[in-house]
Amino acid sequence: FIDNVYELENALKTYFVNSKYIGIDSEWQQSFSIKEEVEVSIIQLSTDDEKCCIILDMLSLKYDKNFYDIFKKYFTGKIFVGFSLDKSDLMVFPPELKEFFGDANSCTIYDLCIIYNQKYLKKCSCLKVLTEELLGQNLCKYEQCSDWNLRPLSLTKLHYAALDALICIILFKKMLKEDNPLIQNQSNHVNI
């Protein structure tokens, strides 16, 4: 759990520099009001060797200009792997991150939902279903509708959050093993 740029840069230098693929997910406080703007609470990032997952406390980091510079420094040119990113996660990111992920020159995004839909010619409604179909495992979504703005986050919330980013890498690697040409043909960026 990282809530300052010093810890962030240390983690990125230590674990993420050599990671070609980055698993990504995010959580935000659910809003029941149309007028209330929804903002990301945490962003989870996982390395492709499955050895590290960091959880970024966006309630703190989004106010530090250095955060965006550090993020761009370490993640430009990387490939991010997530599930249904353009329809949910990226929509609640701060403008600086929306711009980064919307620029094909900054990074590449592989969306497991799109790859699955094209490969198997059927819709996949959620990460839980994809995990069950490809890995034969149950992905617990108990904490999904939690209060993600409440600090400190409980251990069960942290576990849930980390697993969502990590499972994206595990599923992606399984698809790579299946020699999936759809991965190479997917668009470099998403529209936000």
C-alpha atoms as a PDB file:
ATOM      1  CA  PHE A   1       0.000   0.000   0.000  1.00  0.00           C
ATOM      2  CA  ILE A   2       1.691   3.177  -1.205  1.00  0.00           C
ATOM      3  CA  ASP A   3       0.551   6.668  -0.299  1.00  0.00           C
ATOM      4  CA  ASN A   4       3.645   8.792  -1.057  1.00  0.00           C
ATOM      5  CA  VAL A   5       5.931   9.322  -4.044  1.00  0.00           C
ATOM      6  CA  TYR A   6       9.099   8.275  -2.212  1.00  0.00           C
ATOM      7  CA  GLU A   7       7.758   4.765  -1.560  1.00  0.00           C
ATOM      8  CA  LEU A   8       6.281   4.667  -5.055  1.00  0.00           C
ATOM      9  CA  GLU A   9       9.557   5.393  -6.806  1.00  0.00           C
ATOM     10  CA  ASN A  10      11.395   2.844  -4.651  1.00  0.00           C
ATOM     11  CA  ALA A  11       8.837   0.143  -5.474  1.00  0.00           C
ATOM     12  CA  LEU A  12       8.895   0.940  -9.183  1.00  0.00           C
ATOM     13  CA  LYS A  13      12.712   0.887  -9.310  1.00  0.00           C
ATOM     14  CA  THR A  14      12.849  -2.361  -7.380  1.00  0.00           C
ATOM     15  CA  TYR A  15      10.038  -4.386  -8.933  1.00  0.00           C
ATOM     16  CA  PHE A  16       8.609  -2.824 -12.094  1.00  0.00           C
ATOM     17  CA  VAL A  17      11.571  -1.729 -14.245  1.00  0.00           C
ATOM     18  CA  ASN A  18      12.011  -5.140 -15.874  1.00  0.00           C
ATOM     19  CA  SER A  19       8.315  -5.976 -16.083  1.00  0.00           C
ATOM     20  CA  LYS A  20       7.125  -5.811 -19.696  1.00  0.00           C
ATOM     21  CA  TYR A  21       3.478  -6.394 -18.785  1.00  0.00           C
ATOM     22  CA  ILE A  22       1.705  -4.626 -15.929  1.00  0.00           C
ATOM     23  CA  GLY A  23      -1.557  -5.978 -14.512  1.00  0.00           C
ATOM     24  CA  ILE A  24      -3.897  -3.114 -13.672  1.00  0.00           C
ATOM     25  CA  ASP A  25      -7.185  -2.635 -11.885  1.00  0.00           C
ATOM     26  CA  SER A  26      -8.760   0.061  -9.750  1.00  0.00           C
ATOM     27  CA  GLU A  27     -11.408   0.557  -7.124  1.00  0.00           C
ATOM     28  CA  TRP A  28     -13.557   3.561  -6.359  1.00  0.00           C
ATOM     29  CA  GLN A  29     -16.330   4.563  -4.043  1.00  0.00           C
ATOM     30  CA  GLN A  30     -19.680   3.604  -5.530  1.00  0.00           C
ATOM     31  CA  SER A  31     -21.985   6.577  -5.995  1.00  0.00           C
ATOM     32  CA  PHE A  32     -25.741   6.406  -5.858  1.00  0.00           C
ATOM     33  CA  SER A  33     -26.174  10.011  -6.976  1.00  0.00           C
ATOM     34  CA  ILE A  34     -26.100  11.092 -10.611  1.00  0.00           C
ATOM     35  CA  LYS A  35     -24.666  14.474  -9.626  1.00  0.00           C
ATOM     36  CA  GLU A  36     -21.767  13.110  -7.587  1.00  0.00           C
ATOM     37  CA  GLU A  37     -18.538  12.723  -9.534  1.00  0.00           C
ATOM     38  CA  VAL A  38     -16.852   9.371  -9.005  1.00  0.00           C
ATOM     39  CA  GLU A  39     -13.066   9.336  -8.567  1.00  0.00           C
ATOM     40  CA  VAL A  40     -10.619   6.477  -8.256  1.00  0.00           C
ATOM     41  CA  SER A  41      -9.687   5.510  -4.697  1.00  0.00           C
ATOM     42  CA  ILE A  42      -6.890   3.010  -5.411  1.00  0.00           C
ATOM     43  CA  ILE A  43      -5.043   1.697  -8.449  1.00  0.00           C
ATOM     44  CA  GLN A  44      -3.553  -1.778  -8.261  1.00  0.00           C
ATOM     45  CA  LEU A  45      -0.506  -2.722 -10.362  1.00  0.00           C
ATOM     46  CA  SER A  46       1.068  -6.165 -10.672  1.00  0.00           C
ATOM     47  CA  THR A  47       4.350  -7.269 -12.241  1.00  0.00           C
ATOM     48  CA  ASP A  48       4.441  -9.896 -14.965  1.00  0.00           C
ATOM     49  CA  ASP A  49       6.556 -12.256 -12.846  1.00  0.00           C
ATOM     50  CA  GLU A  50       3.657 -12.333 -10.347  1.00  0.00           C
ATOM     51  CA  LYS A  51       6.003 -11.433  -7.467  1.00  0.00           C
ATOM     52  CA  CYS A  52       4.811  -7.932  -6.678  1.00  0.00           C
ATOM     53  CA  CYS A  53       1.568  -6.040  -6.547  1.00  0.00           C
ATOM     54  CA  ILE A  54       1.378  -2.481  -5.317  1.00  0.00           C
ATOM     55  CA  ILE A  55      -1.743  -0.600  -4.333  1.00  0.00           C
ATOM     56  CA  LEU A  56      -1.607   3.128  -4.982  1.00  0.00           C
ATOM     57  CA  ASP A  57      -3.581   5.301  -2.587  1.00  0.00           C
ATOM     58  CA  MET A  58      -4.990   7.760  -5.088  1.00  0.00           C
ATOM     59  CA  LEU A  59      -6.714   9.732  -2.338  1.00  0.00           C
ATOM     60  CA  SER A  60      -3.198  10.915  -1.382  1.00  0.00           C
ATOM     61  CA  LEU A  61      -1.131  10.550  -4.543  1.00  0.00           C
ATOM     62  CA  LYS A  62      -3.427  12.420  -6.944  1.00  0.00           C
ATOM     63  CA  TYR A  63      -2.535  15.738  -5.275  1.00  0.00           C
ATOM     64  CA  ASP A  64       1.223  15.310  -5.709  1.00  0.00           C
ATOM     65  CA  LYS A  65       2.398  16.569  -9.123  1.00  0.00           C
ATOM     66  CA  ASN A  66       5.505  14.402  -8.792  1.00  0.00           C
ATOM     67  CA  PHE A  67       3.253  11.334  -8.855  1.00  0.00           C
ATOM     68  CA  TYR A  68       2.344  11.868 -12.502  1.00  0.00           C
ATOM     69  CA  ASP A  69       5.965  12.516 -13.503  1.00  0.00           C
ATOM     70  CA  ILE A  70       7.108   9.334 -11.739  1.00  0.00           C
ATOM     71  CA  PHE A  71       4.241   7.334 -13.245  1.00  0.00           C
ATOM     72  CA  LYS A  72       5.166   8.473 -16.770  1.00  0.00           C
ATOM     73  CA  LYS A  73       8.872   7.901 -16.161  1.00  0.00           C
ATOM     74  CA  TYR A  74       8.451   4.246 -15.202  1.00  0.00           C
ATOM     75  CA  PHE A  75       5.429   3.232 -17.261  1.00  0.00           C
ATOM     76  CA  THR A  76       5.931   4.887 -20.654  1.00  0.00           C
ATOM     77  CA  GLY A  77       6.344   2.116 -23.219  1.00  0.00           C
ATOM     78  CA  LYS A  78       4.868  -0.576 -20.956  1.00  0.00           C
ATOM     79  CA  ILE A  79       1.981  -2.892 -21.785  1.00  0.00           C
ATOM     80  CA  PHE A  80      -0.925  -2.735 -19.334  1.00  0.00           C
ATOM     81  CA  VAL A  81      -3.271  -5.701 -19.005  1.00  0.00           C
ATOM     82  CA  GLY A  82      -6.691  -5.282 -17.447  1.00  0.00           C
ATOM     83  CA  PHE A  83     -10.338  -6.196 -17.790  1.00  0.00           C
ATOM     84  CA  SER A  84     -12.880  -3.844 -19.395  1.00  0.00           C
ATOM     85  CA  LEU A  85     -10.634  -0.869 -18.668  1.00  0.00           C
ATOM     86  CA  ASP A  86     -12.211   1.674 -20.997  1.00  0.00           C
ATOM     87  CA  LYS A  87     -15.731   1.036 -19.707  1.00  0.00           C
ATOM     88  CA  SER A  88     -14.978   1.366 -16.018  1.00  0.00           C
ATOM     89  CA  ASP A  89     -11.535   1.844 -14.513  1.00  0.00           C
ATOM     90  CA  LEU A  90     -10.059   4.495 -16.787  1.00  0.00           C
ATOM     91  CA  MET A  91     -13.211   6.596 -16.628  1.00  0.00           C
ATOM     92  CA  VAL A  92     -12.605   7.420 -12.945  1.00  0.00           C
ATOM     93  CA  PHE A  93      -8.872   8.192 -13.260  1.00  0.00           C
ATOM     94  CA  PRO A  94      -7.547  11.745 -12.755  1.00  0.00           C
ATOM     95  CA  PRO A  95      -7.208  13.733 -16.026  1.00  0.00           C
ATOM     96  CA  GLU A  96      -3.406  13.292 -16.144  1.00  0.00           C
ATOM     97  CA  LEU A  97      -3.741   9.494 -16.073  1.00  0.00           C
ATOM     98  CA  LYS A  98      -6.632   9.528 -18.562  1.00  0.00           C
ATOM     99  CA  GLU A  99      -4.351  11.431 -20.905  1.00  0.00           C
ATOM    100  CA  PHE A 100      -1.472   8.974 -20.348  1.00  0.00           C
ATOM    101  CA  PHE A 101      -3.612   5.891 -21.011  1.00  0.00           C
ATOM    102  CA  GLY A 102      -5.410   7.519 -23.935  1.00  0.00           C
ATOM    103  CA  ASP A 103      -2.149   8.239 -25.782  1.00  0.00           C
ATOM    104  CA  ALA A 104      -0.900   5.334 -27.915  1.00  0.00           C
ATOM    105  CA  ASN A 105       2.641   6.760 -27.669  1.00  0.00           C
ATOM    106  CA  SER A 106       2.610   6.460 -23.864  1.00  0.00           C
ATOM    107  CA  CYS A 107       1.622   2.823 -23.415  1.00  0.00           C
ATOM    108  CA  THR A 108      -0.212  -0.140 -24.872  1.00  0.00           C
ATOM    109  CA  ILE A 109      -3.345  -1.557 -23.308  1.00  0.00           C
ATOM    110  CA  TYR A 110      -4.533  -5.134 -23.684  1.00  0.00           C
ATOM    111  CA  ASP A 111      -8.093  -5.615 -22.526  1.00  0.00           C
ATOM    112  CA  LEU A 112      -8.812  -9.209 -21.511  1.00  0.00           C
ATOM    113  CA  CYS A 113     -12.508  -8.688 -22.158  1.00  0.00           C
ATOM    114  CA  ILE A 114     -11.889  -7.766 -25.809  1.00  0.00           C
ATOM    115  CA  ILE A 115      -9.351 -10.568 -26.341  1.00  0.00           C
ATOM    116  CA  TYR A 116     -11.703 -13.134 -24.825  1.00  0.00           C
ATOM    117  CA  ASN A 117     -14.694 -11.915 -26.852  1.00  0.00           C
ATOM    118  CA  GLN A 118     -12.715 -12.151 -30.095  1.00  0.00           C
ATOM    119  CA  LYS A 119     -11.033 -15.472 -29.349  1.00  0.00           C
ATOM    120  CA  TYR A 120     -14.053 -17.382 -28.082  1.00  0.00           C
ATOM    121  CA  LEU A 121     -16.705 -15.421 -30.001  1.00  0.00           C
ATOM    122  CA  LYS A 122     -18.782 -14.880 -26.901  1.00  0.00           C
ATOM    123  CA  LYS A 123     -19.216 -12.122 -24.353  1.00  0.00           C
ATOM    124  CA  CYS A 124     -17.541 -12.247 -20.979  1.00  0.00           C
ATOM    125  CA  SER A 125     -19.435 -10.193 -18.447  1.00  0.00           C
ATOM    126  CA  CYS A 126     -16.895 -10.065 -15.639  1.00  0.00           C
ATOM    127  CA  LEU A 127     -13.448 -11.007 -14.410  1.00  0.00           C
ATOM    128  CA  LYS A 128     -14.930 -13.654 -12.120  1.00  0.00           C
ATOM    129  CA  VAL A 129     -16.482 -15.522 -15.073  1.00  0.00           C
ATOM    130  CA  LEU A 130     -13.287 -15.246 -17.114  1.00  0.00           C
ATOM    131  CA  THR A 131     -11.271 -16.686 -14.209  1.00  0.00           C
ATOM    132  CA  GLU A 132     -13.700 -19.592 -13.834  1.00  0.00           C
ATOM    133  CA  GLU A 133     -13.703 -20.360 -17.567  1.00  0.00           C
ATOM    134  CA  LEU A 134      -9.960 -20.130 -18.198  1.00  0.00           C
ATOM    135  CA  LEU A 135      -8.502 -21.257 -14.874  1.00  0.00           C
ATOM    136  CA  GLY A 136     -11.309 -23.284 -13.321  1.00  0.00           C
ATOM    137  CA  GLN A 137     -10.950 -21.201 -10.150  1.00  0.00           C
ATOM    138  CA  ASN A 138     -13.387 -19.079  -8.173  1.00  0.00           C
ATOM    139  CA  LEU A 139     -12.458 -15.392  -7.863  1.00  0.00           C
ATOM    140  CA  CYS A 140     -14.008 -14.008  -4.690  1.00  0.00           C
ATOM    141  CA  LYS A 141     -15.657 -10.644  -5.275  1.00  0.00           C
ATOM    142  CA  TYR A 142     -16.944 -10.158  -1.719  1.00  0.00           C
ATOM    143  CA  GLU A 143     -15.149  -6.838  -1.182  1.00  0.00           C
ATOM    144  CA  GLN A 144     -16.083  -5.356  -4.559  1.00  0.00           C
ATOM    145  CA  CYS A 145     -18.700  -2.929  -3.224  1.00  0.00           C
ATOM    146  CA  SER A 146     -16.708  -1.916  -0.143  1.00  0.00           C
ATOM    147  CA  ASP A 147     -16.069   1.617   1.020  1.00  0.00           C
ATOM    148  CA  TRP A 148     -12.773   2.139  -0.819  1.00  0.00           C
ATOM    149  CA  ASN A 149     -12.335   5.657   0.569  1.00  0.00           C
ATOM    150  CA  LEU A 150     -12.203   4.446   4.175  1.00  0.00           C
ATOM    151  CA  ARG A 151      -8.654   4.333   5.579  1.00  0.00           C
ATOM    152  CA  PRO A 152      -6.910   2.221   6.621  1.00  0.00           C
ATOM    153  CA  LEU A 153      -7.999  -0.479   4.182  1.00  0.00           C
ATOM    154  CA  SER A 154      -8.543  -3.837   5.840  1.00  0.00           C
ATOM    155  CA  LEU A 155      -6.336  -6.811   5.001  1.00  0.00           C
ATOM    156  CA  THR A 156      -9.243  -8.465   3.176  1.00  0.00           C
ATOM    157  CA  LYS A 157      -9.695  -5.355   1.006  1.00  0.00           C
ATOM    158  CA  LEU A 158      -5.968  -5.209   0.257  1.00  0.00           C
ATOM    159  CA  HIS A 159      -5.953  -8.906  -0.652  1.00  0.00           C
ATOM    160  CA  TYR A 160      -8.992  -8.503  -2.880  1.00  0.00           C
ATOM    161  CA  ALA A 161      -7.495  -5.465  -4.621  1.00  0.00           C
ATOM    162  CA  ALA A 162      -4.097  -7.064  -5.216  1.00  0.00           C
ATOM    163  CA  LEU A 163      -5.665 -10.252  -6.553  1.00  0.00           C
ATOM    164  CA  ASP A 164      -7.687  -8.363  -9.164  1.00  0.00           C
ATOM    165  CA  ALA A 165      -4.504  -6.910 -10.722  1.00  0.00           C
ATOM    166  CA  LEU A 166      -2.577 -10.165 -10.348  1.00  0.00           C
ATOM    167  CA  ILE A 167      -5.295 -12.310 -11.930  1.00  0.00           C
ATOM    168  CA  CYS A 168      -5.158 -10.104 -15.034  1.00  0.00           C
ATOM    169  CA  ILE A 169      -1.494 -11.077 -15.500  1.00  0.00           C
ATOM    170  CA  ILE A 170      -2.198 -14.765 -14.840  1.00  0.00           C
ATOM    171  CA  LEU A 171      -5.064 -14.829 -17.355  1.00  0.00           C
ATOM    172  CA  PHE A 172      -3.032 -12.902 -19.922  1.00  0.00           C
ATOM    173  CA  LYS A 173      -0.091 -15.307 -19.625  1.00  0.00           C
ATOM    174  CA  LYS A 174      -2.480 -18.221 -20.117  1.00  0.00           C
ATOM    175  CA  MET A 175      -3.763 -16.596 -23.300  1.00  0.00           C
ATOM    176  CA  LEU A 176      -0.181 -16.008 -24.484  1.00  0.00           C
ATOM    177  CA  LYS A 177       0.589 -19.707 -23.988  1.00  0.00           C
ATOM    178  CA  GLU A 178      -2.342 -20.478 -26.270  1.00  0.00           C
ATOM    179  CA  ASP A 179      -0.496 -18.523 -29.009  1.00  0.00           C
ATOM    180  CA  ASN A 180      -3.284 -16.019 -29.390  1.00  0.00           C
ATOM    181  CA  PRO A 181      -2.788 -13.850 -32.509  1.00  0.00           C
ATOM    182  CA  LEU A 182      -5.547 -11.543 -31.268  1.00  0.00           C
ATOM    183  CA  ILE A 183      -3.207 -10.136 -28.634  1.00  0.00           C
ATOM    184  CA  GLN A 184      -0.803  -8.839 -31.262  1.00  0.00           C
ATOM    185  CA  ASN A 185      -3.648  -7.344 -33.323  1.00  0.00           C
ATOM    186  CA  GLN A 186      -5.410  -5.475 -30.523  1.00  0.00           C
ATOM    187  CA  SER A 187      -5.459  -1.682 -30.599  1.00  0.00           C
ATOM    188  CA  ASN A 188      -2.653   0.161 -28.798  1.00  0.00           C
ATOM    189  CA  HIS A 189      -4.948   2.437 -26.851  1.00  0.00           C
ATOM    190  CA  VAL A 190      -8.486   2.919 -25.712  1.00  0.00           C
ATOM    191  CA  ASN A 191     -10.841   5.820 -26.140  1.00  0.00           C
ATOM    192  CA  ILE A 192     -11.638   7.594 -22.924  1.00  0.00           C
END
